[in-house]
Amino acid sequence: MQALLWITGILLGVGFLMSGAMKLMGHAMATEMANKLDFADKLKLIGGAEMMGGLGALLGLIGGNWEFAGFFAGIGIVVLMLGALSYHQKGGDKPKDMMPTAMMIVLAVLYLIALTQVS
């Protein structure tokens, strides 16, 4: 379980820090997707939430009192990605286009399971 926690925590942490940074910096790919799926007005808010989720997932790996940060980050990532799936669906994306988002949900759930089993 410890290995699962570290693998999922690092993947979530790095992935969401990078994705959030792209949104906060207004990277062309992030802006294009936001315009396509009609959430351009929320781009910075979502980017900030992604960065906080990524940071929280990494902090959860420290253990001790930081496990709470990891737990709430994992829950937040699941909620954020469920919202992302709804935007993909409303935007007419095909299931294959939604797969990375769905995989982040699975990764976050595995992280939460590992986090609760290790503590």
Protein backbone atom coordinates (compact mmCIF):
# COMPACT_ATOMS: atom_id res chain seq x y z
CA MET A 1 0.00 0.00 0.00
CA GLN A 2 2.88 2.35 0.72
CA ALA A 3 4.10 2.03 -2.88
CA LEU A 4 0.60 2.73 -4.23
CA LEU A 5 0.37 5.82 -2.04
CA TRP A 6 3.69 7.21 -3.27
CA ILE A 7 3.07 6.41 -6.94
CA THR A 8 -0.43 7.89 -7.00
CA GLY A 9 0.54 10.85 -4.80
CA ILE A 10 3.47 11.82 -7.00
CA LEU A 11 1.48 11.39 -10.23
CA LEU A 12 -1.41 13.47 -8.88
CA GLY A 13 0.87 16.07 -7.34
CA VAL A 14 3.06 16.66 -10.35
CA GLY A 15 0.21 16.31 -12.84
CA PHE A 16 -2.08 18.80 -11.14
CA LEU A 17 0.69 21.28 -10.36
CA MET A 18 1.62 21.29 -14.05
CA SER A 19 -1.96 21.44 -15.30
CA GLY A 20 -2.87 24.21 -12.86
CA ALA A 21 0.22 26.22 -13.77
CA MET A 22 -0.67 25.99 -17.46
CA LYS A 23 -4.12 27.38 -16.72
CA LEU A 24 -2.85 30.15 -14.44
CA MET A 25 -0.24 31.23 -17.01
CA GLY A 26 -2.79 31.21 -19.82
CA HIS A 27 -0.96 28.60 -21.90
CA ALA A 28 -2.41 28.38 -25.43
CA MET A 29 -3.46 24.73 -25.07
CA ALA A 30 -5.29 25.40 -21.77
CA THR A 31 -6.97 28.53 -23.17
CA GLU A 32 -8.05 26.70 -26.32
CA MET A 33 -9.63 23.89 -24.28
CA ALA A 34 -11.32 26.39 -21.95
CA ASN A 35 -12.84 28.22 -24.91
CA LYS A 36 -13.96 24.97 -26.55
CA LEU A 37 -15.64 23.67 -23.39
CA ASP A 38 -16.95 27.10 -22.32
CA PHE A 39 -15.16 27.58 -19.01
CA ALA A 40 -12.77 30.36 -20.03
CA ASP A 41 -14.24 32.63 -17.36
CA LYS A 42 -13.28 30.06 -14.70
CA LEU A 43 -9.83 29.20 -16.07
CA LYS A 44 -7.77 30.87 -13.32
CA LEU A 45 -10.04 29.56 -10.55
CA ILE A 46 -9.75 26.00 -11.87
CA GLY A 47 -6.01 26.41 -12.31
CA GLY A 48 -5.65 27.52 -8.70
CA ALA A 49 -7.80 24.63 -7.48
CA GLU A 50 -5.69 22.18 -9.48
CA MET A 51 -2.48 23.56 -8.02
CA MET A 52 -3.87 23.34 -4.50
CA GLY A 53 -4.96 19.74 -5.15
CA GLY A 54 -1.54 18.83 -6.48
CA LEU A 55 0.24 20.44 -3.56
CA GLY A 56 -2.11 18.77 -1.09
CA ALA A 57 -1.52 15.35 -2.66
CA LEU A 58 2.23 15.81 -2.25
CA LEU A 59 1.87 17.08 1.32
CA GLY A 60 -0.19 13.99 2.15
CA LEU A 61 2.90 11.90 1.44
CA ILE A 62 4.75 13.52 4.35
CA GLY A 63 2.46 11.82 6.85
CA GLY A 64 1.53 12.96 10.32
CA ASN A 65 -0.79 15.95 10.38
CA TRP A 66 -0.25 16.47 6.65
CA GLU A 67 -2.33 13.38 5.84
CA PHE A 68 -5.42 15.56 6.32
CA ALA A 69 -4.20 17.83 3.52
CA GLY A 70 -3.74 14.79 1.31
CA PHE A 71 -7.17 13.44 2.16
CA PHE A 72 -8.98 16.69 1.41
CA ALA A 73 -6.87 17.21 -1.73
CA GLY A 74 -7.88 13.76 -2.96
CA ILE A 75 -11.56 14.50 -2.35
CA GLY A 76 -11.19 17.88 -4.04
CA ILE A 77 -9.51 16.35 -7.08
CA VAL A 78 -12.34 13.83 -7.46
CA VAL A 79 -14.96 16.59 -7.26
CA LEU A 80 -12.99 18.82 -9.66
CA MET A 81 -12.61 16.00 -12.18
CA LEU A 82 -16.31 15.06 -11.96
CA GLY A 83 -17.05 18.67 -12.87
CA ALA A 84 -14.55 18.42 -15.73
CA LEU A 85 -16.33 15.32 -17.03
CA SER A 86 -19.61 17.22 -17.09
CA TYR A 87 -18.01 20.05 -19.11
CA HIS A 88 -16.53 17.51 -21.54
CA GLN A 89 -19.93 15.89 -21.93
CA LYS A 90 -21.72 19.23 -22.44
CA GLY A 91 -19.03 20.21 -24.95
CA GLY A 92 -19.77 17.14 -27.03
CA ASP A 93 -16.46 15.39 -26.44
CA LYS A 94 -16.24 11.71 -27.28
CA PRO A 95 -15.52 9.14 -24.54
CA LYS A 96 -11.91 8.82 -25.72
CA ASP A 97 -11.46 12.56 -25.10
CA MET A 98 -12.77 12.15 -21.55
CA MET A 99 -10.46 9.24 -20.71
CA PRO A 100 -7.61 11.33 -19.17
CA THR A 101 -10.12 13.00 -16.85
CA ALA A 102 -11.67 9.66 -15.89
CA MET A 103 -8.19 8.24 -15.23
CA MET A 104 -7.44 11.13 -12.85
CA ILE A 105 -10.57 10.19 -10.90
CA VAL A 106 -9.41 6.58 -10.67
CA LEU A 107 -5.92 7.72 -9.64
CA ALA A 108 -7.35 10.00 -6.94
CA VAL A 109 -9.59 7.23 -5.57
CA LEU A 110 -6.62 4.85 -5.43
CA TYR A 111 -4.62 7.56 -3.66
CA LEU A 112 -7.39 8.01 -1.09
CA ILE A 113 -7.64 4.26 -0.50
CA ALA A 114 -3.88 3.95 -0.04
CA LEU A 115 -3.75 7.03 2.20
CA THR A 116 -6.43 5.68 4.53
CA GLN A 117 -4.83 2.21 4.66
CA VAL A 118 -1.32 3.43 5.42
CA SER A 119 -2.28 5.79 8.25
